[in-house]
N, C-alpha and C. Protein backbone atom coordinates (compact mmCIF):
# COMPACT_ATOMS: atom_id res chain seq x y z
N MET A 1 102.19 84.41 104.42
CA MET A 1 102.98 84.25 103.21
C MET A 1 104.45 84.21 103.61
N TYR A 2 105.21 83.30 103.00
CA TYR A 2 106.61 83.26 103.38
C TYR A 2 107.46 82.64 102.27
N SER A 3 108.72 83.07 102.23
CA SER A 3 109.69 82.47 101.32
C SER A 3 110.38 81.29 101.99
N ASN A 4 110.50 81.36 103.30
CA ASN A 4 110.97 80.22 104.07
C ASN A 4 110.34 80.31 105.46
N ILE A 5 110.37 79.24 106.19
CA ILE A 5 109.64 79.12 107.45
C ILE A 5 110.13 80.11 108.50
N ASP A 6 111.35 80.62 108.33
CA ASP A 6 111.90 81.57 109.29
C ASP A 6 111.60 83.02 108.94
N ASN A 7 110.89 83.23 107.82
CA ASN A 7 110.60 84.61 107.40
C ASN A 7 109.14 84.71 106.96
N ILE A 8 108.23 84.52 107.90
CA ILE A 8 106.80 84.55 107.61
C ILE A 8 106.31 86.00 107.56
N HIS A 9 105.47 86.30 106.56
CA HIS A 9 104.88 87.64 106.41
C HIS A 9 103.38 87.58 106.69
N ALA A 10 102.89 88.63 107.34
CA ALA A 10 101.45 88.76 107.57
C ALA A 10 100.96 90.07 106.95
N ILE A 11 99.79 90.03 106.31
CA ILE A 11 99.19 91.22 105.72
C ILE A 11 98.07 91.69 106.64
N LEU A 12 98.19 92.90 107.14
CA LEU A 12 97.22 93.44 108.09
C LEU A 12 96.45 94.59 107.47
N LEU A 13 95.13 94.60 107.64
CA LEU A 13 94.31 95.72 107.21
C LEU A 13 94.32 96.77 108.32
N THR A 14 94.80 97.97 108.01
CA THR A 14 94.87 99.03 109.01
C THR A 14 93.60 99.88 108.98
N ARG A 15 93.48 100.80 109.90
CA ARG A 15 92.34 101.72 109.93
C ARG A 15 92.58 102.96 109.08
N GLU A 16 93.77 103.09 108.56
CA GLU A 16 94.11 104.28 107.78
C GLU A 16 93.63 104.15 106.33
N LYS A 17 93.26 105.29 105.75
CA LYS A 17 92.78 105.32 104.37
C LYS A 17 93.42 106.49 103.62
N THR A 18 93.58 106.32 102.33
CA THR A 18 94.04 107.43 101.50
C THR A 18 92.81 108.13 100.93
N LEU A 19 92.89 109.44 100.84
CA LEU A 19 91.76 110.24 100.35
C LEU A 19 92.25 111.29 99.36
N PRO A 20 91.40 111.71 98.44
CA PRO A 20 91.74 112.86 97.60
C PRO A 20 91.49 114.14 98.40
N ASN A 21 91.67 115.29 97.77
CA ASN A 21 91.38 116.56 98.43
C ASN A 21 89.86 116.78 98.36
N ILE A 22 89.17 116.31 99.38
CA ILE A 22 87.70 116.31 99.36
C ILE A 22 87.13 117.72 99.29
N SER A 23 87.75 118.66 99.99
CA SER A 23 87.24 120.04 99.99
C SER A 23 87.31 120.65 98.59
N ALA A 24 88.46 120.44 97.91
CA ALA A 24 88.61 120.98 96.56
C ALA A 24 87.64 120.31 95.59
N LEU A 25 87.45 119.00 95.72
CA LEU A 25 86.51 118.29 94.87
C LEU A 25 85.09 118.78 95.08
N MET A 26 84.71 118.97 96.35
CA MET A 26 83.36 119.43 96.66
C MET A 26 83.12 120.82 96.07
N ASP A 27 84.08 121.72 96.23
CA ASP A 27 83.94 123.08 95.70
C ASP A 27 83.78 123.06 94.18
N THR A 28 84.60 122.23 93.52
CA THR A 28 84.55 122.16 92.06
C THR A 28 83.24 121.55 91.57
N LEU A 29 82.78 120.51 92.24
CA LEU A 29 81.52 119.87 91.83
C LEU A 29 80.34 120.82 92.00
N ILE A 30 80.38 121.65 93.04
CA ILE A 30 79.33 122.66 93.22
C ILE A 30 79.40 123.69 92.10
N GLU A 31 80.61 124.14 91.78
CA GLU A 31 80.80 125.15 90.74
C GLU A 31 80.39 124.65 89.36
N THR A 32 80.57 123.36 89.11
CA THR A 32 80.31 122.80 87.78
C THR A 32 78.99 122.03 87.72
N ASP A 33 78.09 122.31 88.63
CA ASP A 33 76.79 121.65 88.64
C ASP A 33 76.15 121.70 87.25
N ALA A 34 75.83 120.54 86.70
CA ALA A 34 75.31 120.45 85.33
C ALA A 34 74.01 121.20 85.15
N LYS A 35 73.23 121.40 86.22
CA LYS A 35 71.93 122.07 86.11
C LYS A 35 72.04 123.59 86.17
N GLU A 36 73.20 124.08 86.61
CA GLU A 36 73.38 125.53 86.71
C GLU A 36 73.36 126.16 85.32
N ARG A 37 72.80 127.36 85.22
CA ARG A 37 72.65 128.02 83.92
C ARG A 37 73.60 129.20 83.78
N VAL A 38 74.02 129.42 82.52
CA VAL A 38 74.94 130.51 82.19
C VAL A 38 74.29 131.37 81.11
N SER A 39 74.46 132.67 81.21
CA SER A 39 73.90 133.58 80.23
C SER A 39 74.55 133.38 78.86
N LYS A 40 73.73 133.24 77.84
CA LYS A 40 74.26 133.08 76.48
C LYS A 40 75.06 134.32 76.07
N GLU A 41 74.60 135.49 76.49
CA GLU A 41 75.29 136.74 76.15
C GLU A 41 76.71 136.75 76.71
N ILE A 42 76.83 136.36 77.99
CA ILE A 42 78.17 136.32 78.61
C ILE A 42 79.04 135.26 77.94
N LEU A 43 78.44 134.14 77.61
CA LEU A 43 79.18 133.05 76.98
C LEU A 43 79.72 133.46 75.62
N LEU A 44 78.90 134.14 74.82
CA LEU A 44 79.33 134.59 73.49
C LEU A 44 80.43 135.65 73.61
N LYS A 45 80.30 136.53 74.60
CA LYS A 45 81.35 137.54 74.82
C LYS A 45 82.67 136.87 75.18
N ALA A 46 82.59 135.85 76.04
CA ALA A 46 83.80 135.12 76.43
C ALA A 46 84.42 134.41 75.23
N ILE A 47 83.57 133.85 74.38
CA ILE A 47 84.07 133.16 73.18
C ILE A 47 84.78 134.14 72.26
N ASN A 48 84.22 135.35 72.10
CA ASN A 48 84.87 136.37 71.26
C ASN A 48 86.21 136.78 71.84
N ASP A 49 86.28 136.95 73.16
CA ASP A 49 87.55 137.29 73.80
C ASP A 49 88.56 136.16 73.62
N PHE A 50 88.08 134.93 73.76
CA PHE A 50 88.95 133.76 73.61
C PHE A 50 89.47 133.68 72.17
N GLU A 51 88.62 133.98 71.21
CA GLU A 51 89.01 133.92 69.79
C GLU A 51 90.12 134.91 69.48
N THR A 52 90.09 136.05 70.16
CA THR A 52 91.14 137.07 69.97
C THR A 52 92.50 136.55 70.39
N GLU A 53 92.52 135.76 71.46
CA GLU A 53 93.79 135.24 71.97
C GLU A 53 94.22 133.95 71.27
N TYR A 54 93.24 133.17 70.80
CA TYR A 54 93.54 131.88 70.17
C TYR A 54 92.99 131.87 68.75
N ILE A 55 93.64 132.61 67.88
CA ILE A 55 93.17 132.78 66.49
C ILE A 55 93.09 131.45 65.77
N ALA A 56 94.00 130.53 66.08
CA ALA A 56 94.05 129.24 65.38
C ALA A 56 92.79 128.41 65.60
N ALA A 57 92.01 128.76 66.59
CA ALA A 57 90.82 127.97 66.92
C ALA A 57 89.57 128.50 66.20
N GLY A 58 89.76 129.28 65.15
CA GLY A 58 88.64 129.94 64.48
C GLY A 58 87.54 129.03 64.00
N GLU A 59 87.89 127.91 63.39
CA GLU A 59 86.88 127.02 62.82
C GLU A 59 85.96 126.42 63.88
N ILE A 60 86.56 125.92 64.93
CA ILE A 60 85.75 125.30 65.99
C ILE A 60 84.94 126.34 66.75
N ILE A 61 85.46 127.57 66.86
CA ILE A 61 84.73 128.64 67.53
C ILE A 61 83.50 129.03 66.73
N SER A 62 83.62 129.07 65.41
CA SER A 62 82.46 129.35 64.56
C SER A 62 81.38 128.30 64.77
N GLU A 63 81.80 127.06 64.94
CA GLU A 63 80.85 125.97 65.19
C GLU A 63 80.14 126.18 66.53
N TRP A 64 80.89 126.60 67.55
CA TRP A 64 80.28 126.88 68.85
C TRP A 64 79.21 127.96 68.73
N LYS A 65 79.55 129.03 68.03
CA LYS A 65 78.63 130.16 67.89
C LYS A 65 77.35 129.75 67.17
N ASN A 66 77.48 128.94 66.14
CA ASN A 66 76.30 128.47 65.40
C ASN A 66 75.37 127.66 66.30
N LYS A 67 75.97 126.80 67.12
CA LYS A 67 75.16 125.96 68.00
C LYS A 67 74.52 126.79 69.12
N LEU A 68 75.25 127.79 69.60
CA LEU A 68 74.72 128.63 70.67
C LEU A 68 73.59 129.54 70.18
N SER A 69 73.62 129.88 68.91
CA SER A 69 72.63 130.81 68.36
C SER A 69 71.19 130.29 68.49
N VAL A 70 71.02 128.98 68.54
CA VAL A 70 69.67 128.41 68.62
C VAL A 70 69.27 128.07 70.07
N GLU A 71 70.15 128.36 71.00
CA GLU A 71 69.88 128.07 72.41
C GLU A 71 69.08 129.21 73.06
N THR A 72 68.47 128.93 74.20
CA THR A 72 67.76 129.94 74.97
C THR A 72 68.75 130.90 75.62
N GLU A 73 68.24 131.96 76.24
CA GLU A 73 69.11 132.98 76.82
C GLU A 73 69.94 132.45 77.99
N MET A 74 69.40 131.48 78.71
CA MET A 74 70.13 130.87 79.82
C MET A 74 70.34 129.40 79.49
N ILE A 75 71.60 128.98 79.46
CA ILE A 75 71.96 127.64 79.00
C ILE A 75 72.55 126.84 80.15
N THR A 76 72.11 125.61 80.31
CA THR A 76 72.67 124.76 81.38
C THR A 76 74.10 124.38 81.04
N LYS A 77 74.88 124.14 82.07
CA LYS A 77 76.27 123.74 81.86
C LYS A 77 76.34 122.37 81.18
N LYS A 78 75.34 121.55 81.41
CA LYS A 78 75.29 120.26 80.72
C LYS A 78 75.21 120.46 79.21
N SER A 79 74.38 121.41 78.77
CA SER A 79 74.24 121.70 77.34
C SER A 79 75.51 122.33 76.79
N ILE A 80 76.13 123.18 77.60
CA ILE A 80 77.37 123.83 77.15
C ILE A 80 78.47 122.81 76.92
N LYS A 81 78.56 121.82 77.80
CA LYS A 81 79.56 120.76 77.64
C LYS A 81 79.38 120.05 76.30
N LYS A 82 78.14 119.78 75.93
CA LYS A 82 77.86 119.09 74.66
C LYS A 82 78.25 119.97 73.47
N ILE A 83 77.97 121.26 73.58
CA ILE A 83 78.30 122.20 72.50
C ILE A 83 79.81 122.31 72.33
N LEU A 84 80.52 122.42 73.44
CA LEU A 84 81.97 122.60 73.38
C LEU A 84 82.71 121.31 73.03
N ASN A 85 82.13 120.16 73.38
CA ASN A 85 82.81 118.86 73.25
C ASN A 85 84.08 118.88 74.10
N MET A 86 83.90 118.65 75.39
CA MET A 86 84.99 118.80 76.35
C MET A 86 86.17 117.86 76.13
N LYS A 87 86.03 116.90 75.22
CA LYS A 87 87.15 116.00 74.93
C LYS A 87 88.23 116.68 74.10
N SER A 88 87.87 117.79 73.46
CA SER A 88 88.84 118.46 72.57
C SER A 88 89.75 119.39 73.38
N GLY A 89 90.98 119.56 72.88
CA GLY A 89 91.94 120.42 73.54
C GLY A 89 91.52 121.88 73.55
N THR A 90 90.88 122.33 72.47
CA THR A 90 90.43 123.73 72.40
C THR A 90 89.36 124.01 73.44
N ALA A 91 88.44 123.05 73.61
CA ALA A 91 87.39 123.22 74.61
C ALA A 91 87.98 123.29 76.01
N SER A 92 89.00 122.49 76.27
CA SER A 92 89.66 122.51 77.57
C SER A 92 90.31 123.87 77.81
N LYS A 93 90.95 124.43 76.78
CA LYS A 93 91.59 125.74 76.92
C LYS A 93 90.54 126.82 77.19
N PHE A 94 89.40 126.73 76.47
CA PHE A 94 88.34 127.71 76.67
C PHE A 94 87.73 127.57 78.07
N ASN A 95 87.57 126.35 78.51
CA ASN A 95 87.03 126.10 79.85
C ASN A 95 87.89 126.78 80.91
N ARG A 96 89.20 126.69 80.77
CA ARG A 96 90.11 127.30 81.74
C ARG A 96 90.14 128.82 81.58
N PHE A 97 90.06 129.28 80.32
CA PHE A 97 90.00 130.71 80.03
C PHE A 97 88.74 131.31 80.68
N LEU A 98 87.61 130.64 80.52
CA LEU A 98 86.34 131.09 81.07
C LEU A 98 86.39 131.16 82.59
N HIS A 99 87.07 130.19 83.17
CA HIS A 99 87.18 130.15 84.63
C HIS A 99 88.08 131.27 85.14
N GLN A 100 89.17 131.50 84.44
CA GLN A 100 90.14 132.50 84.88
C GLN A 100 89.63 133.92 84.66
N LYS A 101 89.03 134.18 83.50
CA LYS A 101 88.63 135.55 83.13
C LYS A 101 87.23 135.92 83.61
N TYR A 102 86.34 134.93 83.67
CA TYR A 102 84.95 135.23 83.98
C TYR A 102 84.43 134.55 85.26
N GLY A 103 85.27 133.71 85.84
CA GLY A 103 84.86 133.04 87.07
C GLY A 103 83.78 131.99 86.86
N ILE A 104 83.66 131.48 85.63
CA ILE A 104 82.66 130.46 85.30
C ILE A 104 83.39 129.16 84.99
N TRP A 105 83.05 128.12 85.71
CA TRP A 105 83.74 126.82 85.59
C TRP A 105 82.74 125.84 84.99
N ILE A 106 82.96 125.42 83.74
CA ILE A 106 82.03 124.51 83.06
C ILE A 106 82.33 123.05 83.43
N ASP A 107 83.59 122.70 83.42
CA ASP A 107 84.01 121.32 83.69
C ASP A 107 85.23 121.36 84.59
N GLY A 108 85.19 120.62 85.70
CA GLY A 108 86.31 120.63 86.64
C GLY A 108 87.54 119.89 86.16
N GLU A 109 87.42 119.10 85.08
CA GLU A 109 88.54 118.33 84.51
C GLU A 109 89.26 117.55 85.61
N LEU A 110 88.48 116.83 86.39
CA LEU A 110 89.01 116.16 87.58
C LEU A 110 90.08 115.12 87.26
N ARG A 111 90.01 114.54 86.07
CA ARG A 111 90.94 113.46 85.74
C ARG A 111 92.19 113.94 85.01
N LYS A 112 92.29 115.24 84.80
CA LYS A 112 93.45 115.78 84.08
C LYS A 112 94.65 115.88 85.01
N GLY A 113 95.80 115.45 84.51
CA GLY A 113 97.02 115.45 85.31
C GLY A 113 97.43 116.83 85.79
N GLU A 114 97.05 117.87 85.03
CA GLU A 114 97.43 119.23 85.39
C GLU A 114 96.83 119.67 86.73
N PHE A 115 95.73 119.01 87.14
CA PHE A 115 95.06 119.40 88.36
C PHE A 115 95.31 118.42 89.50
N GLU A 116 96.27 117.53 89.33
CA GLU A 116 96.57 116.55 90.36
C GLU A 116 96.98 117.22 91.66
N TYR A 117 97.72 118.32 91.56
CA TYR A 117 98.17 119.03 92.77
C TYR A 117 96.98 119.56 93.57
N LEU A 118 95.88 119.85 92.89
CA LEU A 118 94.70 120.41 93.55
C LEU A 118 93.78 119.32 94.09
N TYR A 119 93.42 118.35 93.25
CA TYR A 119 92.43 117.35 93.65
C TYR A 119 93.06 116.12 94.32
N GLN A 120 94.33 115.84 94.02
CA GLN A 120 95.04 114.69 94.59
C GLN A 120 94.31 113.38 94.33
N ILE A 121 93.81 113.25 93.10
CA ILE A 121 93.13 112.03 92.69
C ILE A 121 94.10 110.84 92.70
N GLY A 122 95.39 111.14 92.55
CA GLY A 122 96.39 110.08 92.54
C GLY A 122 96.38 109.24 93.80
N ASN A 123 95.79 109.76 94.89
CA ASN A 123 95.67 108.99 96.13
C ASN A 123 94.70 107.82 96.01
N LEU A 124 93.98 107.75 94.87
CA LEU A 124 93.01 106.68 94.66
C LEU A 124 93.42 105.77 93.51
N LEU A 125 94.62 105.96 92.97
CA LEU A 125 95.00 105.27 91.75
C LEU A 125 96.19 104.33 91.93
N ASN A 126 96.13 103.23 91.19
CA ASN A 126 97.26 102.31 91.07
C ASN A 126 97.65 101.66 92.40
N ILE A 127 98.77 101.00 92.39
CA ILE A 127 99.30 100.38 93.61
C ILE A 127 100.50 101.20 94.06
N LYS A 128 100.44 101.70 95.27
CA LYS A 128 101.55 102.49 95.79
C LYS A 128 101.99 101.89 97.13
N TYR A 129 103.28 101.95 97.38
CA TYR A 129 103.80 101.31 98.59
C TYR A 129 105.00 102.07 99.14
N ASP A 130 105.34 101.74 100.36
CA ASP A 130 106.48 102.38 101.00
C ASP A 130 107.00 101.46 102.10
N TYR A 131 108.29 101.54 102.34
CA TYR A 131 108.89 100.80 103.45
C TYR A 131 108.95 101.72 104.67
N ASN A 132 108.59 101.17 105.80
CA ASN A 132 108.63 101.94 107.04
C ASN A 132 109.55 101.21 108.01
N GLU A 133 110.69 101.82 108.26
CA GLU A 133 111.67 101.17 109.13
C GLU A 133 111.36 101.38 110.62
N ASN A 134 110.48 102.32 110.93
CA ASN A 134 110.24 102.65 112.34
C ASN A 134 108.75 102.63 112.68
N ASP A 135 108.07 101.59 112.25
CA ASP A 135 106.66 101.45 112.58
C ASP A 135 106.52 101.33 114.10
N TYR A 136 105.62 102.14 114.69
CA TYR A 136 105.57 102.22 116.15
C TYR A 136 105.08 100.94 116.81
N LEU A 137 104.40 100.06 116.06
CA LEU A 137 103.93 98.80 116.64
C LEU A 137 104.79 97.61 116.23
N ASP A 138 105.11 97.56 114.97
CA ASP A 138 105.68 96.32 114.44
C ASP A 138 107.12 96.44 113.91
N GLY A 139 107.78 97.53 114.24
CA GLY A 139 109.14 97.68 113.73
C GLY A 139 109.12 97.91 112.23
N ARG A 140 109.90 97.14 111.50
CA ARG A 140 109.93 97.29 110.04
C ARG A 140 108.61 96.84 109.43
N ALA A 141 108.10 97.60 108.48
CA ALA A 141 106.83 97.23 107.85
C ALA A 141 106.82 97.72 106.40
N PHE A 142 106.04 97.03 105.59
CA PHE A 142 105.82 97.38 104.19
C PHE A 142 104.37 97.82 104.09
N VAL A 143 104.13 99.08 103.74
CA VAL A 143 102.78 99.63 103.70
C VAL A 143 102.37 99.87 102.26
N TYR A 144 101.13 99.49 101.92
CA TYR A 144 100.67 99.72 100.55
C TYR A 144 99.16 99.92 100.50
N TYR A 145 98.71 100.47 99.38
CA TYR A 145 97.27 100.51 99.10
C TYR A 145 97.05 100.22 97.63
N VAL A 146 95.85 99.79 97.32
CA VAL A 146 95.49 99.43 95.95
C VAL A 146 94.32 100.30 95.51
N GLY A 147 94.53 101.06 94.45
CA GLY A 147 93.47 101.91 93.91
C GLY A 147 93.01 101.43 92.54
N ALA A 148 92.33 102.32 91.83
CA ALA A 148 91.87 102.01 90.47
C ALA A 148 93.03 102.16 89.50
N LYS A 149 92.93 101.52 88.36
CA LYS A 149 93.95 101.65 87.33
C LYS A 149 93.95 103.09 86.80
N GLY A 150 95.08 103.74 86.91
CA GLY A 150 95.15 105.15 86.54
C GLY A 150 95.12 105.42 85.06
N ASN A 151 95.38 104.41 84.21
CA ASN A 151 95.43 104.65 82.77
C ASN A 151 94.08 104.44 82.10
N ASN A 152 93.05 104.18 82.87
CA ASN A 152 91.72 103.96 82.30
C ASN A 152 90.83 105.14 82.68
N LYS A 153 90.55 106.03 81.71
CA LYS A 153 89.79 107.24 81.99
C LYS A 153 88.33 106.97 82.32
N LYS A 154 87.83 105.78 81.99
CA LYS A 154 86.43 105.46 82.25
C LYS A 154 86.24 104.75 83.58
N THR A 155 87.35 104.47 84.25
CA THR A 155 87.26 103.75 85.52
C THR A 155 86.52 104.58 86.56
N LYS A 156 85.66 103.95 87.32
CA LYS A 156 85.00 104.60 88.45
C LYS A 156 85.96 104.58 89.62
N TYR A 157 86.33 105.74 90.10
CA TYR A 157 87.31 105.82 91.18
C TYR A 157 86.66 105.47 92.52
N PRO A 158 87.41 104.82 93.40
CA PRO A 158 86.89 104.55 94.75
C PRO A 158 86.84 105.84 95.56
N ASN A 159 86.04 105.84 96.62
CA ASN A 159 85.97 107.02 97.49
C ASN A 159 87.22 107.15 98.36
N ALA A 160 87.81 106.03 98.69
CA ALA A 160 89.02 106.01 99.52
C ALA A 160 89.68 104.65 99.33
N CYS A 161 90.94 104.55 99.71
CA CYS A 161 91.67 103.28 99.61
C CYS A 161 92.19 102.88 100.99
N CYS A 162 91.94 101.63 101.35
CA CYS A 162 92.41 101.12 102.64
C CYS A 162 93.91 100.85 102.59
N MET A 163 94.59 101.25 103.64
CA MET A 163 96.02 100.97 103.75
C MET A 163 96.22 99.59 104.37
N ARG A 164 97.12 98.84 103.78
CA ARG A 164 97.48 97.53 104.32
C ARG A 164 98.95 97.53 104.69
N LYS A 165 99.26 96.74 105.72
CA LYS A 165 100.62 96.70 106.22
C LYS A 165 101.10 95.26 106.23
N VAL A 166 102.30 95.07 105.72
CA VAL A 166 102.92 93.74 105.73
C VAL A 166 104.05 93.75 106.75
N ILE A 167 104.02 92.84 107.67
CA ILE A 167 105.09 92.73 108.65
C ILE A 167 105.76 91.36 108.51
N SER A 168 107.00 91.30 108.90
CA SER A 168 107.77 90.06 108.78
C SER A 168 108.28 89.63 110.15
N LEU A 169 108.22 88.31 110.38
CA LEU A 169 108.78 87.76 111.61
C LEU A 169 110.26 87.46 111.46
N GLY A 170 110.74 87.58 110.21
CA GLY A 170 112.15 87.32 109.96
C GLY A 170 112.96 88.60 109.88
N GLU A 171 114.12 88.49 109.24
CA GLU A 171 115.05 89.62 109.18
C GLU A 171 114.78 90.55 108.01
N THR A 172 114.09 90.08 106.97
CA THR A 172 113.91 90.89 105.77
C THR A 172 112.46 90.90 105.32
N LEU A 173 112.07 92.02 104.71
CA LEU A 173 110.75 92.14 104.10
C LEU A 173 110.88 91.82 102.61
N GLU A 174 110.07 90.90 102.13
CA GLU A 174 110.20 90.47 100.74
C GLU A 174 108.90 90.63 99.96
N TYR A 175 108.00 91.47 100.45
CA TYR A 175 106.66 91.53 99.86
C TYR A 175 106.65 92.18 98.47
N GLU A 176 107.62 92.99 98.18
CA GLU A 176 107.64 93.66 96.87
C GLU A 176 107.55 92.66 95.72
N GLU A 177 108.09 91.49 95.93
CA GLU A 177 108.05 90.45 94.90
C GLU A 177 106.62 89.97 94.62
N ALA A 178 105.71 90.17 95.58
CA ALA A 178 104.34 89.70 95.43
C ALA A 178 103.42 90.72 94.76
N LEU A 179 103.90 91.95 94.55
CA LEU A 179 103.05 92.99 93.96
C LEU A 179 102.48 92.61 92.59
N PRO A 180 103.26 91.96 91.71
CA PRO A 180 102.68 91.56 90.42
C PRO A 180 101.48 90.62 90.55
N LEU A 181 101.34 89.94 91.68
CA LEU A 181 100.20 89.04 91.88
C LEU A 181 98.90 89.80 92.16
N MET A 182 98.98 91.12 92.22
CA MET A 182 97.78 91.94 92.41
C MET A 182 97.40 92.69 91.15
N THR A 183 98.14 92.51 90.07
CA THR A 183 97.89 93.24 88.83
C THR A 183 97.44 92.32 87.71
N VAL A 184 96.91 91.17 88.03
CA VAL A 184 96.47 90.21 87.02
C VAL A 184 95.17 90.68 86.36
N GLU A 185 94.91 90.24 85.13
CA GLU A 185 93.78 90.73 84.35
C GLU A 185 92.49 89.95 84.57
N PHE A 186 92.54 88.84 85.30
CA PHE A 186 91.36 87.99 85.38
C PHE A 186 90.62 88.10 86.72
N VAL A 187 90.92 89.13 87.49
CA VAL A 187 90.26 89.32 88.78
C VAL A 187 89.68 90.73 88.82
N ARG A 188 88.48 90.88 89.42
CA ARG A 188 87.84 92.18 89.63
C ARG A 188 87.67 92.97 88.33
N ASN A 189 87.19 92.34 87.28
CA ASN A 189 86.92 93.04 86.03
C ASN A 189 88.14 93.81 85.51
N SER A 190 89.27 93.14 85.50
CA SER A 190 90.53 93.70 85.00
C SER A 190 91.10 94.80 85.90
N GLN A 191 90.53 94.96 87.10
CA GLN A 191 91.10 95.90 88.05
C GLN A 191 92.09 95.16 88.96
N PHE A 192 92.82 95.93 89.75
CA PHE A 192 93.77 95.33 90.67
C PHE A 192 93.05 94.63 91.82
N THR A 193 93.70 93.65 92.42
CA THR A 193 93.17 93.02 93.64
C THR A 193 93.89 93.64 94.85
N VAL A 194 93.25 93.60 95.99
CA VAL A 194 93.86 94.18 97.18
C VAL A 194 94.80 93.20 97.87
N LEU A 195 94.68 91.92 97.52
CA LEU A 195 95.57 90.88 98.02
C LEU A 195 96.12 90.11 96.82
N PRO A 196 97.28 89.51 96.91
CA PRO A 196 97.76 88.66 95.83
C PRO A 196 96.69 87.63 95.47
N PHE A 197 96.44 87.45 94.18
CA PHE A 197 95.27 86.67 93.75
C PHE A 197 95.22 85.24 94.30
N PRO A 198 96.33 84.53 94.53
CA PRO A 198 96.19 83.18 95.11
C PRO A 198 95.50 83.21 96.47
N PHE A 199 95.80 84.24 97.29
CA PHE A 199 95.19 84.34 98.61
C PHE A 199 93.72 84.72 98.51
N LYS A 200 93.42 85.56 97.54
CA LYS A 200 92.01 85.93 97.32
C LYS A 200 91.19 84.68 96.99
N TYR A 201 91.70 83.84 96.09
CA TYR A 201 90.98 82.63 95.70
C TYR A 201 90.91 81.62 96.84
N LEU A 202 91.97 81.53 97.62
CA LEU A 202 91.95 80.62 98.77
C LEU A 202 90.89 81.04 99.78
N ARG A 203 90.78 82.35 100.02
CA ARG A 203 89.75 82.85 100.94
C ARG A 203 88.35 82.49 100.44
N GLU A 204 88.13 82.70 99.15
CA GLU A 204 86.81 82.42 98.58
C GLU A 204 86.49 80.93 98.65
N TYR A 205 87.49 80.10 98.43
CA TYR A 205 87.29 78.65 98.51
C TYR A 205 86.94 78.24 99.95
N ILE A 206 87.66 78.80 100.90
CA ILE A 206 87.41 78.46 102.32
C ILE A 206 86.00 78.86 102.72
N GLU A 207 85.54 80.05 102.24
CA GLU A 207 84.20 80.52 102.60
C GLU A 207 83.10 79.61 102.06
N GLN A 208 83.39 78.92 100.93
CA GLN A 208 82.39 78.04 100.32
C GLN A 208 82.39 76.65 100.94
N CYS A 209 83.44 76.32 101.67
CA CYS A 209 83.54 74.97 102.26
C CYS A 209 82.64 74.83 103.50
């Protein structure tokens, strides 16, 4: 790719990858196993303690108690999630209260921004880039990776993102101007492309020839 013949750019796939905090994710997924069971007695006690601190949540707490009353003595975390409706703010507060006070974690809330420091999911999201003036092989370089769209809560996140490096044979790096060519809506089911879309289509055309 080039703006003029004296400033040709090459996009290189490196061996480096971005990762989330795998250890923290693994620990949380083990703790929040949907099949694990929680004592109804302990859960009701926690709800009563929570109600004392969050009086404004009285109506929804009464609803929780009514639903729990017909459950067995040991309730799966999957069932608890349905009872609490984890999409609500009150359920999220209770989930964190339960974890802090009772050591019981119902939902890891992996996609919540408040836990980004712990899980580092942001390493798998959006397009991020950086200029490297002292690349040990190629001198000046533009490094980037392409993840999932961060504003879509239903998006399936990748396990890791490949780092790509853009180097220039000329005096200046101009790749930043090409970033919008990876955010088009008509490629990869409205997800980002890892290469500017004209190059992606050219590759596919060449493979079919």
